[in-house]
Protein backbone atom coordinates (compact mmCIF):
# COMPACT_ATOMS: atom_id res chain seq x y z
CA UNK A 1 105.34 122.00 105.56
CA UNK A 2 109.00 122.85 105.01
CA UNK A 3 110.91 122.49 101.72
CA UNK A 4 114.68 121.98 101.86
CA UNK A 5 117.44 121.27 99.32
CA UNK A 6 120.22 119.00 100.48
CA UNK A 7 122.89 116.38 99.83
CA UNK A 8 123.50 115.56 103.49
CA UNK A 9 124.04 111.80 104.02
CA UNK A 10 121.33 111.67 106.70
CA UNK A 11 118.69 112.99 104.33
CA UNK A 12 119.98 110.98 101.36
CA UNK A 13 119.43 107.79 103.34
CA UNK A 14 115.92 108.86 104.32
CA UNK A 15 115.23 109.78 100.69
CA UNK A 16 116.37 106.39 99.41
CA UNK A 17 114.10 104.65 101.91
CA UNK A 18 111.22 106.86 100.81
CA UNK A 19 111.84 106.15 97.11
CA UNK A 20 112.21 102.42 97.69
CA UNK A 21 108.81 102.21 99.38
CA UNK A 22 106.93 104.84 97.37
CA UNK A 23 104.93 103.30 94.51
CA UNK A 24 105.88 106.15 92.17
CA UNK A 25 109.53 105.90 93.19
CA UNK A 26 112.13 105.46 90.45
CA UNK A 27 115.74 104.28 90.39
CA UNK A 28 116.55 107.48 88.45
CA UNK A 29 116.37 109.49 91.68
CA UNK A 30 118.07 107.12 94.11
CA UNK A 31 121.01 108.97 95.65
CA UNK A 32 123.63 106.60 94.19
CA UNK A 33 122.20 107.07 90.69
CA UNK A 34 122.10 110.85 91.06
CA UNK A 35 125.65 110.82 92.44
CA UNK A 36 126.89 108.91 89.39
CA UNK A 37 126.56 112.07 87.28
CA UNK A 38 129.36 113.66 89.29
CA UNK A 39 131.82 111.56 87.29
CA UNK A 40 130.99 113.87 84.37
CA UNK A 41 131.42 117.04 86.40
CA UNK A 42 127.67 117.46 86.98
CA UNK A 43 126.09 118.10 90.36
CA UNK A 44 122.90 116.91 92.00
CA UNK A 45 120.61 117.53 94.95
CA UNK A 46 117.37 116.37 96.45
CA UNK A 47 114.42 118.56 97.32
CA UNK A 48 112.40 117.39 100.31
CA UNK A 49 108.97 118.41 101.56
CA UNK A 50 109.04 117.75 105.29
CA UNK A 51 106.22 117.66 107.81
CA UNK A 52 107.06 116.99 111.45
CA UNK A 53 110.54 115.88 110.25
CA UNK A 54 108.99 113.23 107.98
CA UNK A 55 109.31 113.19 104.20
CA UNK A 56 105.95 113.69 102.52
CA UNK A 57 107.37 114.36 99.06
CA UNK A 58 110.36 115.47 97.08
CA UNK A 59 112.37 115.15 93.89
CA UNK A 60 115.90 114.45 92.76
CA UNK A 61 117.61 116.87 90.38
CA UNK A 62 120.69 116.80 88.17
CA UNK A 63 122.50 120.11 87.69
CA UNK A 64 124.13 119.62 84.30
CA UNK A 65 127.13 121.86 83.70
CA UNK A 66 129.21 122.41 80.58
CA UNK A 67 131.39 125.49 80.11
CA UNK A 68 129.18 128.34 81.40
CA UNK A 69 125.89 126.52 80.64
CA UNK A 70 123.86 125.16 83.56
CA UNK A 71 120.63 123.15 83.38
CA UNK A 72 118.35 121.95 86.16
CA UNK A 73 116.88 118.56 85.26
CA UNK A 74 114.37 116.46 87.22
CA UNK A 75 114.60 113.08 85.41
CA UNK A 76 111.34 111.86 86.93
CA UNK A 77 109.05 113.13 89.65
CA UNK A 78 108.22 114.66 92.01
CA UNK A 79 107.38 111.77 94.31
CA UNK A 80 104.83 112.25 97.11
CA UNK A 81 103.40 109.91 99.72
CA UNK A 82 99.85 110.33 98.38
CA UNK A 83 98.23 112.11 95.48
CA UNK A 84 98.18 115.36 97.43
CA UNK A 85 97.75 118.02 94.78
CA UNK A 86 98.85 120.87 97.06
CA UNK A 87 102.21 119.23 97.89
CA UNK A 88 102.75 118.20 94.29
CA UNK A 89 102.08 121.73 93.04
CA UNK A 90 104.44 123.30 95.60
CA UNK A 91 107.26 120.92 94.64
CA UNK A 92 106.81 121.60 90.92
CA UNK A 93 106.68 125.36 91.53
CA UNK A 94 109.93 125.07 93.51
CA UNK A 95 111.82 123.76 90.45
CA UNK A 96 112.18 127.01 88.43
CA UNK A 97 112.70 129.06 91.60
CA UNK A 98 115.57 126.82 92.65
CA UNK A 99 116.97 126.67 89.11
CA UNK A 100 117.05 130.47 88.88
CA UNK A 101 118.78 130.70 92.24
CA UNK A 102 121.46 128.33 90.93
CA UNK A 103 121.81 130.47 87.78
CA UNK A 104 120.60 127.78 85.42
CA UNK A 105 119.37 128.91 82.02
CA UNK A 106 116.82 126.11 81.72
CA UNK A 107 114.84 123.62 83.81
CA UNK A 108 113.03 120.44 82.82
CA UNK A 109 110.84 117.80 84.43
CA UNK A 110 109.58 114.36 83.45
CA UNK A 111 106.20 113.81 85.12
CA UNK A 112 105.19 110.09 85.24
CA UNK A 113 101.55 110.46 84.25
CA UNK A 114 99.30 107.94 82.51
CA UNK A 115 95.65 106.97 82.44
CA UNK A 116 96.61 103.35 81.74
CA UNK A 117 94.81 101.11 84.24
CA UNK A 118 97.59 98.51 84.36
CA UNK A 119 100.18 99.37 87.00
CA UNK A 120 98.57 102.80 87.41
CA UNK A 121 99.42 103.10 91.10
CA UNK A 122 103.07 103.34 89.97
CA UNK A 123 102.14 106.44 87.96
CA UNK A 124 100.22 109.63 88.55
CA UNK A 125 96.73 109.72 87.10
CA UNK A 126 96.15 113.34 88.09
CA UNK A 127 95.32 115.63 85.21
CA UNK A 128 98.48 117.67 84.88
CA UNK A 129 97.50 120.88 83.11
CA UNK A 130 97.07 122.92 86.31
CA UNK A 131 100.44 121.72 87.62
CA UNK A 132 102.49 123.17 84.76
CA UNK A 133 100.91 126.53 84.02
CA UNK A 134 104.30 128.23 83.67
CA UNK A 135 105.93 125.44 81.64
CA UNK A 136 105.91 124.48 77.97
CA UNK A 137 105.36 120.90 76.82
CA UNK A 138 108.36 119.08 75.43
CA UNK A 139 112.03 118.35 76.02
CA UNK A 140 114.82 120.55 74.64
CA UNK A 141 117.68 119.13 76.73
CA UNK A 142 118.40 115.43 76.14
CA UNK A 143 121.68 114.77 77.95
CA UNK A 144 120.19 113.34 81.17
CA UNK A 145 118.31 110.07 80.75
CA UNK A 146 114.63 110.04 81.66
CA UNK A 147 112.27 107.14 81.07
CA UNK A 148 109.29 107.30 78.71
CA UNK A 149 107.27 104.67 80.57
CA UNK A 150 107.16 101.09 81.76
CA UNK A 151 107.32 97.77 79.93
CA UNK A 152 105.25 95.98 82.51
CA UNK A 153 104.95 92.30 83.34
CA UNK A 154 101.89 92.21 85.58
CA UNK A 155 102.35 89.85 88.54
CA UNK A 156 99.59 90.89 90.91
CA UNK A 157 97.28 88.01 90.01
CA UNK A 158 99.93 85.32 90.55
CA UNK A 159 100.97 83.64 93.79
CA UNK A 160 103.77 81.46 92.41
CA UNK A 161 105.98 81.19 89.29
CA UNK A 162 104.15 78.15 87.90
CA UNK A 163 100.99 80.20 87.44
CA UNK A 164 102.66 82.89 85.35
CA UNK A 165 104.64 80.29 83.39
CA UNK A 166 101.36 78.62 82.44
CA UNK A 167 100.13 81.93 80.97
CA UNK A 168 103.12 82.41 78.66
CA UNK A 169 102.72 81.28 75.08
CA UNK A 170 103.96 77.80 74.25
CA UNK A 171 107.30 78.86 72.70
CA UNK A 172 108.27 80.95 75.75
CA UNK A 173 107.34 78.17 78.18
CA UNK A 174 109.38 75.73 76.11
CA UNK A 175 112.46 77.99 76.04
CA UNK A 176 112.34 78.71 79.78
CA UNK A 177 111.99 75.04 80.65
CA UNK A 178 114.77 74.15 78.22
CA UNK A 179 117.08 76.73 79.79
CA UNK A 180 116.40 75.24 83.23
CA UNK A 181 117.47 71.78 82.02
CA UNK A 182 120.88 72.84 80.69
CA UNK A 183 122.77 72.65 83.99
CA UNK A 184 123.34 76.40 84.12
CA UNK A 185 124.01 77.95 87.52
CA UNK A 186 122.36 81.22 88.58
CA UNK A 187 124.48 83.38 90.87
CA UNK A 188 123.95 86.78 92.50
CA UNK A 189 127.19 88.73 92.10
CA UNK A 190 128.49 90.36 95.30
CA UNK A 191 132.27 90.89 95.26
CA UNK A 192 133.98 93.55 93.18
CA UNK A 193 135.68 90.95 90.98
CA UNK A 194 132.39 89.13 90.36
CA UNK A 195 130.57 92.36 89.56
CA UNK A 196 133.31 93.45 87.15
CA UNK A 197 133.10 90.08 85.42
CA UNK A 198 129.38 90.56 84.86
CA UNK A 199 129.77 94.17 83.78
CA UNK A 200 132.53 93.30 81.32
CA UNK A 201 130.10 90.93 79.63
CA UNK A 202 127.47 93.72 79.44
CA UNK A 203 130.12 96.02 77.91
CA UNK A 204 131.04 93.38 75.34
CA UNK A 205 127.38 92.86 74.48
CA UNK A 206 126.91 96.62 74.03
CA UNK A 207 129.95 96.84 71.78
CA UNK A 208 128.79 93.93 69.61
CA UNK A 209 125.29 95.42 69.33
CA UNK A 210 126.67 98.89 68.56
CA UNK A 211 125.29 100.82 71.53
CA UNK A 212 127.10 102.37 74.48
CA UNK A 213 126.89 102.06 78.25
CA UNK A 214 129.06 103.70 80.89
CA UNK A 215 132.58 102.36 81.18
CA UNK A 216 133.49 100.29 84.23
CA UNK A 217 135.64 102.95 85.92
CA UNK A 218 132.95 105.63 85.87
CA UNK A 219 130.05 103.33 86.82
CA UNK A 220 131.89 101.13 89.33
CA UNK A 221 131.22 103.25 92.49
CA UNK A 222 127.52 103.57 91.65
CA UNK A 223 127.12 99.87 90.93
CA UNK A 224 128.94 98.77 94.07
CA UNK A 225 126.91 101.15 96.25
CA UNK A 226 123.60 100.04 94.78
CA UNK A 227 124.42 96.37 95.42
CA UNK A 228 125.88 97.05 98.86
CA UNK A 229 122.73 98.94 99.87
CA UNK A 230 120.50 96.13 98.54
CA UNK A 231 118.97 98.48 95.97
CA UNK A 232 120.21 96.42 93.05
CA UNK A 233 120.79 92.79 92.08
CA UNK A 234 123.42 91.77 89.55
CA UNK A 235 122.49 88.26 88.42
CA UNK A 236 124.74 86.04 86.33
CA UNK A 237 124.46 82.62 84.77
CA UNK A 238 127.42 80.24 84.58
CA UNK A 239 127.91 77.03 82.65
CA UNK A 240 130.91 74.88 83.48
CA UNK A 241 132.34 77.80 85.50
CA UNK A 242 132.18 80.13 82.49
CA UNK A 243 129.93 83.19 82.65
CA UNK A 244 127.28 83.04 79.92
CA UNK A 245 125.04 85.98 80.79
CA UNK A 246 124.35 88.74 83.30
CA UNK A 247 121.70 91.35 84.02
CA UNK A 248 121.36 94.29 86.38
CA UNK A 249 118.12 95.01 88.20
CA UNK A 250 117.42 98.03 90.40
CA UNK A 251 114.52 98.15 92.84
CA UNK A 252 112.56 101.33 93.51
CA UNK A 253 108.85 102.03 93.74
CA UNK A 254 108.28 98.51 95.09
CA UNK A 255 109.29 96.87 91.80
CA UNK A 256 112.43 95.88 89.88
CA UNK A 257 113.53 97.52 86.64
CA UNK A 258 115.81 95.83 84.13
CA UNK A 259 118.76 98.19 83.51
CA UNK A 260 121.36 96.40 81.36
CA UNK A 261 122.31 92.87 80.46
CA UNK A 262 124.18 90.68 78.06
CA UNK A 263 124.66 87.08 77.00
CA UNK A 264 127.28 85.24 75.01
CA UNK A 265 126.08 84.31 71.55
CA UNK A 266 127.13 80.70 71.16
CA UNK A 267 125.98 77.47 69.60
CA UNK A 268 124.29 75.45 70.86
CA UNK A 269 122.09 78.19 72.32
CA UNK A 270 121.81 77.77 76.09
CA UNK A 271 118.83 80.18 76.18
CA UNK A 272 120.59 82.11 78.93
CA UNK A 273 118.55 85.24 78.28
CA UNK A 274 115.34 83.37 79.06
CA UNK A 275 116.84 81.98 82.26
CA UNK A 276 117.98 85.44 83.44
CA UNK A 277 114.61 87.07 82.85
CA UNK A 278 112.84 84.11 84.44
CA UNK A 279 115.04 84.59 87.51
CA UNK A 280 114.09 88.31 87.57
CA UNK A 281 110.40 87.35 87.49
CA UNK A 282 110.89 84.77 90.25
CA UNK A 283 112.73 87.34 92.38
CA UNK A 284 109.89 89.84 91.89
CA UNK A 285 107.27 87.29 92.93
CA UNK A 286 109.34 86.21 95.95
CA UNK A 287 109.50 89.85 97.14
CA UNK A 288 105.76 90.36 96.62
CA UNK A 289 106.17 92.87 93.80
CA UNK A 290 103.00 93.38 91.79
CA UNK A 291 104.97 93.65 88.56
CA UNK A 292 108.34 93.71 86.86
CA UNK A 293 109.52 96.46 84.52
CA UNK A 294 111.52 94.70 81.82
CA UNK A 295 112.12 98.20 80.36
CA UNK A 296 111.44 99.85 77.03
CA UNK A 297 113.83 100.15 74.12
CA UNK A 298 116.38 98.01 72.39
CA UNK A 299 116.74 96.63 68.88
CA UNK A 300 113.77 95.04 67.13
CA UNK A 301 115.02 91.62 68.21
CA UNK A 302 115.46 92.72 71.83
CA UNK A 303 112.00 94.29 71.93
CA UNK A 304 110.46 91.16 70.45
CA UNK A 305 112.23 89.06 73.11
CA UNK A 306 111.03 91.32 75.95
CA UNK A 307 107.46 91.44 74.67
CA UNK A 308 107.30 87.65 74.51
CA UNK A 309 106.92 87.73 78.32
CA UNK A 310 103.34 89.08 78.09
CA UNK A 311 104.39 92.68 78.60
CA UNK A 312 102.07 95.67 78.62
CA UNK A 313 103.57 98.92 77.38
CA UNK A 314 102.62 101.87 79.60
CA UNK A 315 103.82 105.12 78.06
CA UNK A 316 103.83 108.36 80.02
CA UNK A 317 101.39 110.86 78.53
CA UNK A 318 102.48 114.49 78.01
CA UNK A 319 105.20 113.88 80.57
CA UNK A 320 107.97 116.28 79.49
CA UNK A 321 107.83 119.95 80.48
CA UNK A 322 110.43 122.69 80.34
CA UNK A 323 110.97 126.34 81.15
CA UNK A 324 113.64 128.59 79.63
CA UNK A 325 114.99 130.84 82.37
CA UNK A 326 117.58 132.77 80.37
CA UNK A 327 116.69 132.87 76.68
CA UNK A 328 119.94 134.52 75.54
CA UNK A 329 122.15 131.88 77.15
CA UNK A 330 119.89 128.97 76.23
CA UNK A 331 119.55 129.99 72.58
CA UNK A 332 123.33 130.26 72.41
CA UNK A 333 123.50 126.72 73.80
CA UNK A 334 121.10 125.46 71.12
CA UNK A 335 123.29 126.85 68.35
CA UNK A 336 126.38 125.47 70.07
CA UNK A 337 124.72 122.07 70.59
CA UNK A 338 124.36 121.48 66.85
CA UNK A 339 128.13 121.39 66.59
CA UNK A 340 128.85 119.28 69.67
CA UNK A 341 125.98 116.75 69.42
CA UNK A 342 127.90 114.29 67.20
CA UNK A 343 130.69 114.38 69.80
CA UNK A 344 128.46 113.57 72.78
CA UNK A 345 130.18 110.26 73.61
CA UNK A 346 133.66 111.76 73.38
CA UNK A 347 132.71 114.82 75.43
CA UNK A 348 131.43 112.52 78.20
CA UNK A 349 134.80 110.76 78.25
CA UNK A 350 136.66 114.07 78.35
CA UNK A 351 134.49 115.33 81.21
CA UNK A 352 135.14 112.13 83.15
CA UNK A 353 138.90 112.38 82.50
CA UNK A 354 139.02 116.04 83.64
CA UNK A 355 136.96 115.26 86.74
CA UNK A 356 139.24 112.39 87.75
């Protein structure tokens, strides 16, 4: 077995194919997603375990840089082609070695482990103590997003949409059927203008709900590449040629994950949100996915809406591990962070401006 670190296009394409088909694959380590951090002046790479020129495992890493601070972050992983403990251990052991070589003061990994029986083949169920003997449990660096689990709609026991619709509670069935009767048109956005139209609606929704997502200019290349490479679907709903809602799905690990979305809040309520999520479920069934990750998080109202689709929350267990590689530099960062944390959003904009 050979371990390499690379950003070569040839290997990035192979890696994306591996992640798309690997059950523990995640959109957080697709090459386009990793590349998106470069808009903030960060770097990235993939680590590959190769055997006879074939990928048998690997991970994606973000190298976060600010001033003279450097951090080596694996947002989720590693991913391997089977639960081979030897390969998994070698990949995890490679993280601090590589981080030290790159003069990072800290490294961190999010290991997708759970004993939950639902959707468990999309997670590791290996006991993880022996894998992280040199690490401490926890997360001290929180500037690279990493998931805490899945909000899973189980589809493996259904062969068609009517069967799952019948299992929803009465109010959800009623709202989905009502949305289907309102002459709304579902469209998969493909052109740059269409995609921007959908993203502008998501931005407006985020602003109105008082949360932030990446601005169009910084996220545009990533979004276009994901859609072009058939790794993502941007679905919109129109009524009388006016966009009423949109959502972004990314496929990795043989299932779709809901990333962002938004709907126009109008009266009468067209129930566009129900129609969009119903389309995501239909798409997942059509592509023989055994589930759909409607994602964790959101306001109380958003979480209540998501959970109305018979979701099962699967939280990663003891998933975050870290290792401080240079205590002097990292402790200085911690004291510095207290002052800059309230300015996180503005610093991101400044980094993007400087980079571009």
